[in-house]
Amino acid sequence: MAQIANHIQLTKNPDLASKLERMARRLFPFVELDQGLVHPAFPQTVLSFWLLTDEQLESLAKFYHQKTLNRYTDLYPCKITWRHNMSREEKRCEMGKFIGLPARDLCIQ
């Protein structure tokens, strides 16, 4: 019965339904180029991307060779600029670009 009520609520608010669908979208993890591993905090959905902490964002940038430049940095599809004084939201935006999120998923709406 609760599922029916939820469906009725979503059909009354198509914007909410659309947002929930986008947040539930699965993400495919990046493999780190040096060892071929996936970072344990790599987000599995768009929602989990939005829940990453500052520490996790820093760790992801380091793991995928974007924080400390080395021979692998430029080999990823989208190199990002990681500065030491970035806000959490700037880090999130850069990491979203790095993992290939569309622009609409990088902004709070």
N, C-alpha and C. Protein backbone atom coordinates (compact mmCIF):
# COMPACT_ATOMS: atom_id res chain seq x y z
N MET A 1 0.81 -1.19 0.00
CA MET A 1 0.00 0.00 0.00
C MET A 1 0.86 1.27 0.00
N ALA A 2 1.98 1.23 0.74
CA ALA A 2 2.86 2.39 0.79
C ALA A 2 3.46 2.68 -0.58
N GLN A 3 3.75 1.62 -1.35
CA GLN A 3 4.30 1.81 -2.69
C GLN A 3 3.30 2.52 -3.59
N ILE A 4 2.04 2.18 -3.47
CA ILE A 4 1.00 2.83 -4.27
C ILE A 4 0.92 4.31 -3.89
N ALA A 5 0.96 4.59 -2.60
CA ALA A 5 0.90 5.99 -2.14
C ALA A 5 2.11 6.76 -2.66
N ASN A 6 3.28 6.14 -2.62
CA ASN A 6 4.48 6.80 -3.14
C ASN A 6 4.36 7.07 -4.63
N HIS A 7 3.84 6.09 -5.37
CA HIS A 7 3.67 6.27 -6.81
C HIS A 7 2.70 7.41 -7.10
N ILE A 8 1.62 7.49 -6.35
CA ILE A 8 0.65 8.57 -6.54
C ILE A 8 1.30 9.91 -6.26
N GLN A 9 2.09 10.01 -5.19
CA GLN A 9 2.78 11.26 -4.86
C GLN A 9 3.74 11.66 -5.98
N LEU A 10 4.48 10.70 -6.53
CA LEU A 10 5.44 11.01 -7.58
C LEU A 10 4.76 11.44 -8.87
N THR A 11 3.62 10.84 -9.17
CA THR A 11 2.92 11.24 -10.39
C THR A 11 2.34 12.63 -10.25
N LYS A 12 2.10 13.06 -9.03
CA LYS A 12 1.61 14.43 -8.81
C LYS A 12 2.74 15.45 -8.89
N ASN A 13 3.97 15.00 -8.73
CA ASN A 13 5.11 15.91 -8.76
C ASN A 13 6.18 15.35 -9.71
N PRO A 14 6.04 15.60 -11.01
CA PRO A 14 6.99 15.04 -11.96
C PRO A 14 8.43 15.54 -11.76
N ASP A 15 8.60 16.75 -11.24
CA ASP A 15 9.96 17.25 -10.98
C ASP A 15 10.65 16.41 -9.91
N LEU A 16 9.90 16.07 -8.86
CA LEU A 16 10.45 15.22 -7.80
C LEU A 16 10.77 13.84 -8.35
N ALA A 17 9.87 13.29 -9.13
CA ALA A 17 10.10 11.97 -9.71
C ALA A 17 11.36 11.97 -10.57
N SER A 18 11.54 13.01 -11.37
CA SER A 18 12.71 13.12 -12.23
C SER A 18 13.99 13.22 -11.40
N LYS A 19 13.95 14.02 -10.35
CA LYS A 19 15.13 14.20 -9.48
C LYS A 19 15.49 12.87 -8.79
N LEU A 20 14.49 12.16 -8.30
CA LEU A 20 14.74 10.88 -7.64
C LEU A 20 15.32 9.86 -8.61
N GLU A 21 14.84 9.87 -9.84
CA GLU A 21 15.39 8.96 -10.85
C GLU A 21 16.86 9.28 -11.11
N ARG A 22 17.19 10.56 -11.23
CA ARG A 22 18.59 10.95 -11.46
C ARG A 22 19.47 10.57 -10.28
N MET A 23 18.98 10.78 -9.06
CA MET A 23 19.78 10.46 -7.87
C MET A 23 20.02 8.96 -7.74
N ALA A 24 19.10 8.15 -8.24
CA ALA A 24 19.24 6.69 -8.14
C ALA A 24 20.10 6.11 -9.26
N ARG A 25 20.47 6.90 -10.23
CA ARG A 25 21.25 6.40 -11.36
C ARG A 25 22.59 5.84 -10.89
N ARG A 26 22.91 4.64 -11.38
CA ARG A 26 24.16 3.97 -11.00
C ARG A 26 25.34 4.59 -11.74
N LEU A 27 26.46 4.63 -11.06
CA LEU A 27 27.71 5.11 -11.63
C LEU A 27 28.65 3.93 -11.82
N PHE A 28 29.41 3.96 -12.89
CA PHE A 28 30.39 2.92 -13.14
C PHE A 28 31.74 3.39 -12.62
N PRO A 29 32.37 2.59 -11.78
CA PRO A 29 33.60 3.04 -11.12
C PRO A 29 34.78 3.18 -12.07
N PHE A 30 35.64 4.14 -11.75
CA PHE A 30 36.90 4.32 -12.46
C PHE A 30 37.92 3.35 -11.88
N VAL A 31 38.73 2.80 -12.74
CA VAL A 31 39.83 1.95 -12.32
C VAL A 31 41.09 2.81 -12.30
N GLU A 32 41.80 2.75 -11.20
CA GLU A 32 43.05 3.50 -11.04
C GLU A 32 44.09 2.90 -11.99
N LEU A 33 44.84 3.75 -12.66
CA LEU A 33 45.72 3.30 -13.74
C LEU A 33 46.98 2.57 -13.28
N ASP A 34 47.47 2.84 -12.11
CA ASP A 34 48.72 2.25 -11.64
C ASP A 34 48.53 0.78 -11.24
N GLN A 35 47.56 0.51 -10.37
CA GLN A 35 47.35 -0.83 -9.83
C GLN A 35 46.10 -1.52 -10.39
N GLY A 36 45.24 -0.76 -11.08
CA GLY A 36 44.01 -1.34 -11.61
C GLY A 36 42.93 -1.55 -10.57
N LEU A 37 42.97 -0.76 -9.51
CA LEU A 37 42.01 -0.89 -8.41
C LEU A 37 40.93 0.18 -8.50
N VAL A 38 39.83 -0.06 -7.79
CA VAL A 38 38.76 0.92 -7.65
C VAL A 38 38.81 1.44 -6.22
N HIS A 39 38.70 2.74 -6.05
CA HIS A 39 38.72 3.33 -4.70
C HIS A 39 37.50 2.82 -3.92
N PRO A 40 37.68 2.41 -2.66
CA PRO A 40 36.55 1.89 -1.88
C PRO A 40 35.42 2.90 -1.66
N ALA A 41 35.72 4.19 -1.74
CA ALA A 41 34.67 5.21 -1.53
C ALA A 41 34.08 5.71 -2.86
N PHE A 42 34.46 5.07 -3.98
CA PHE A 42 33.90 5.54 -5.26
C PHE A 42 32.38 5.42 -5.18
N PRO A 43 31.66 6.49 -5.49
CA PRO A 43 30.20 6.47 -5.33
C PRO A 43 29.53 5.51 -6.32
N GLN A 44 28.55 4.77 -5.82
CA GLN A 44 27.83 3.81 -6.66
C GLN A 44 26.62 4.43 -7.35
N THR A 45 26.13 5.55 -6.82
CA THR A 45 24.99 6.24 -7.41
C THR A 45 25.26 7.74 -7.37
N VAL A 46 24.43 8.49 -8.09
CA VAL A 46 24.55 9.95 -8.05
C VAL A 46 24.30 10.44 -6.62
N LEU A 47 23.35 9.84 -5.93
CA LEU A 47 23.09 10.23 -4.54
C LEU A 47 24.33 10.02 -3.68
N SER A 48 24.98 8.87 -3.81
CA SER A 48 26.17 8.63 -2.98
C SER A 48 27.31 9.59 -3.36
N PHE A 49 27.34 10.04 -4.61
CA PHE A 49 28.30 11.08 -4.99
C PHE A 49 28.06 12.34 -4.17
N TRP A 50 26.79 12.73 -4.03
CA TRP A 50 26.45 13.95 -3.28
C TRP A 50 26.69 13.81 -1.79
N LEU A 51 26.83 12.58 -1.31
CA LEU A 51 27.06 12.35 0.12
C LEU A 51 28.54 12.19 0.47
N LEU A 52 29.43 12.28 -0.53
CA LEU A 52 30.87 12.16 -0.25
C LEU A 52 31.33 13.27 0.70
N THR A 53 32.15 12.90 1.65
CA THR A 53 32.71 13.87 2.59
C THR A 53 33.93 14.55 1.97
N ASP A 54 34.38 15.61 2.60
CA ASP A 54 35.59 16.30 2.16
C ASP A 54 36.77 15.33 2.14
N GLU A 55 36.89 14.52 3.18
CA GLU A 55 37.99 13.57 3.27
C GLU A 55 37.93 12.54 2.14
N GLN A 56 36.72 12.08 1.81
CA GLN A 56 36.58 11.12 0.72
C GLN A 56 36.94 11.75 -0.63
N LEU A 57 36.52 13.00 -0.84
CA LEU A 57 36.86 13.69 -2.09
C LEU A 57 38.37 13.84 -2.22
N GLU A 58 39.03 14.22 -1.13
CA GLU A 58 40.49 14.33 -1.13
C GLU A 58 41.15 12.98 -1.44
N SER A 59 40.64 11.95 -0.81
CA SER A 59 41.19 10.61 -1.00
C SER A 59 41.00 10.13 -2.44
N LEU A 60 39.84 10.39 -3.01
CA LEU A 60 39.58 10.02 -4.40
C LEU A 60 40.54 10.74 -5.35
N ALA A 61 40.73 12.04 -5.13
CA ALA A 61 41.63 12.81 -5.99
C ALA A 61 43.06 12.28 -5.91
N LYS A 62 43.49 11.93 -4.71
CA LYS A 62 44.84 11.38 -4.55
C LYS A 62 44.95 10.00 -5.20
N PHE A 63 43.97 9.15 -4.96
CA PHE A 63 43.97 7.78 -5.47
C PHE A 63 44.03 7.75 -7.00
N TYR A 64 43.29 8.67 -7.63
CA TYR A 64 43.24 8.71 -9.09
C TYR A 64 44.25 9.71 -9.68
N HIS A 65 45.30 9.99 -8.95
CA HIS A 65 46.45 10.78 -9.43
C HIS A 65 46.09 12.20 -9.86
N GLN A 66 45.11 12.81 -9.22
CA GLN A 66 44.73 14.17 -9.59
C GLN A 66 45.20 15.19 -8.56
N LYS A 67 45.56 14.74 -7.39
CA LYS A 67 46.01 15.65 -6.33
C LYS A 67 47.52 15.88 -6.42
N THR A 68 48.26 14.82 -6.56
CA THR A 68 49.70 14.89 -6.73
C THR A 68 50.00 14.42 -8.15
N LEU A 69 50.48 15.33 -8.97
CA LEU A 69 50.71 15.02 -10.37
C LEU A 69 51.82 14.00 -10.54
N ASN A 70 51.60 13.05 -11.44
CA ASN A 70 52.62 12.06 -11.78
C ASN A 70 52.39 11.58 -13.21
N ARG A 71 53.04 10.52 -13.61
CA ARG A 71 52.95 10.08 -15.00
C ARG A 71 51.56 9.58 -15.40
N TYR A 72 50.69 9.31 -14.44
CA TYR A 72 49.34 8.82 -14.74
C TYR A 72 48.30 9.94 -14.83
N THR A 73 48.60 11.08 -14.28
CA THR A 73 47.62 12.17 -14.17
C THR A 73 46.94 12.49 -15.49
N ASP A 74 47.71 12.64 -16.53
CA ASP A 74 47.15 13.05 -17.83
C ASP A 74 46.55 11.90 -18.63
N LEU A 75 46.63 10.69 -18.14
CA LEU A 75 46.12 9.54 -18.88
C LEU A 75 44.64 9.26 -18.63
N TYR A 76 44.05 9.93 -17.66
CA TYR A 76 42.62 9.77 -17.40
C TYR A 76 41.84 10.58 -18.42
N PRO A 77 40.59 10.18 -18.70
CA PRO A 77 39.80 10.90 -19.72
C PRO A 77 39.62 12.39 -19.46
N CYS A 78 39.57 12.79 -18.19
CA CYS A 78 39.34 14.20 -17.87
C CYS A 78 40.24 14.60 -16.71
N LYS A 79 41.33 15.26 -17.00
CA LYS A 79 42.23 15.75 -15.94
C LYS A 79 41.54 16.93 -15.25
N ILE A 80 41.70 17.01 -13.94
CA ILE A 80 41.09 18.11 -13.19
C ILE A 80 42.18 18.89 -12.46
N THR A 81 41.84 20.11 -12.07
CA THR A 81 42.75 20.95 -11.31
C THR A 81 42.37 20.85 -9.84
N TRP A 82 43.25 20.29 -9.03
CA TRP A 82 42.97 20.10 -7.60
C TRP A 82 43.87 21.02 -6.81
N ARG A 83 43.27 22.03 -6.19
CA ARG A 83 44.04 23.00 -5.40
C ARG A 83 43.87 22.69 -3.91
N HIS A 84 44.84 23.07 -3.12
CA HIS A 84 44.79 22.77 -1.68
C HIS A 84 43.75 23.60 -0.93
N ASN A 85 43.32 24.72 -1.48
CA ASN A 85 42.39 25.61 -0.76
C ASN A 85 40.97 25.57 -1.33
N MET A 86 40.59 24.49 -1.97
CA MET A 86 39.25 24.38 -2.56
C MET A 86 38.21 24.11 -1.48
N SER A 87 37.01 24.64 -1.70
CA SER A 87 35.90 24.31 -0.80
C SER A 87 35.41 22.90 -1.14
N ARG A 88 34.62 22.33 -0.25
CA ARG A 88 34.08 20.99 -0.50
C ARG A 88 33.26 20.97 -1.78
N GLU A 89 32.47 22.00 -2.02
CA GLU A 89 31.64 22.02 -3.22
C GLU A 89 32.48 22.16 -4.49
N GLU A 90 33.59 22.91 -4.42
CA GLU A 90 34.49 22.98 -5.57
C GLU A 90 35.12 21.61 -5.84
N LYS A 91 35.51 20.93 -4.77
CA LYS A 91 36.07 19.59 -4.91
C LYS A 91 35.03 18.65 -5.52
N ARG A 92 33.79 18.75 -5.04
CA ARG A 92 32.72 17.89 -5.55
C ARG A 92 32.50 18.15 -7.05
N CYS A 93 32.49 19.41 -7.43
CA CYS A 93 32.30 19.77 -8.83
C CYS A 93 33.43 19.21 -9.69
N GLU A 94 34.67 19.38 -9.25
CA GLU A 94 35.81 18.85 -10.00
C GLU A 94 35.76 17.33 -10.10
N MET A 95 35.43 16.67 -8.98
CA MET A 95 35.37 15.21 -9.00
C MET A 95 34.23 14.73 -9.89
N GLY A 96 33.11 15.46 -9.88
CA GLY A 96 32.00 15.11 -10.77
C GLY A 96 32.40 15.19 -12.23
N LYS A 97 33.14 16.22 -12.58
CA LYS A 97 33.65 16.34 -13.96
C LYS A 97 34.58 15.16 -14.27
N PHE A 98 35.45 14.86 -13.31
CA PHE A 98 36.44 13.80 -13.50
C PHE A 98 35.78 12.46 -13.78
N ILE A 99 34.71 12.14 -13.05
CA ILE A 99 34.07 10.83 -13.24
C ILE A 99 33.01 10.86 -14.33
N GLY A 100 32.82 12.01 -14.97
CA GLY A 100 31.94 12.08 -16.13
C GLY A 100 30.49 12.38 -15.88
N LEU A 101 30.17 12.96 -14.73
CA LEU A 101 28.78 13.33 -14.49
C LEU A 101 28.36 14.46 -15.41
N PRO A 102 27.14 14.41 -15.93
CA PRO A 102 26.65 15.53 -16.74
C PRO A 102 26.51 16.79 -15.90
N ALA A 103 26.60 17.93 -16.54
CA ALA A 103 26.54 19.22 -15.83
C ALA A 103 25.30 19.34 -14.95
N ARG A 104 24.18 18.79 -15.38
CA ARG A 104 22.94 18.93 -14.59
C ARG A 104 23.04 18.22 -13.24
N ASP A 105 23.94 17.22 -13.13
CA ASP A 105 24.12 16.52 -11.86
C ASP A 105 25.19 17.15 -10.99
N LEU A 106 25.83 18.21 -11.46
CA LEU A 106 26.88 18.87 -10.69
C LEU A 106 26.37 20.08 -9.94
N CYS A 107 25.14 20.44 -10.14
CA CYS A 107 24.57 21.64 -9.51
C CYS A 107 23.45 21.24 -8.56
N ILE A 108 23.35 21.95 -7.47
CA ILE A 108 22.23 21.76 -6.55
C ILE A 108 21.04 22.50 -7.13
N GLN A 109 19.93 21.80 -7.29
CA GLN A 109 18.73 22.43 -7.86
C GLN A 109 17.59 22.36 -6.88
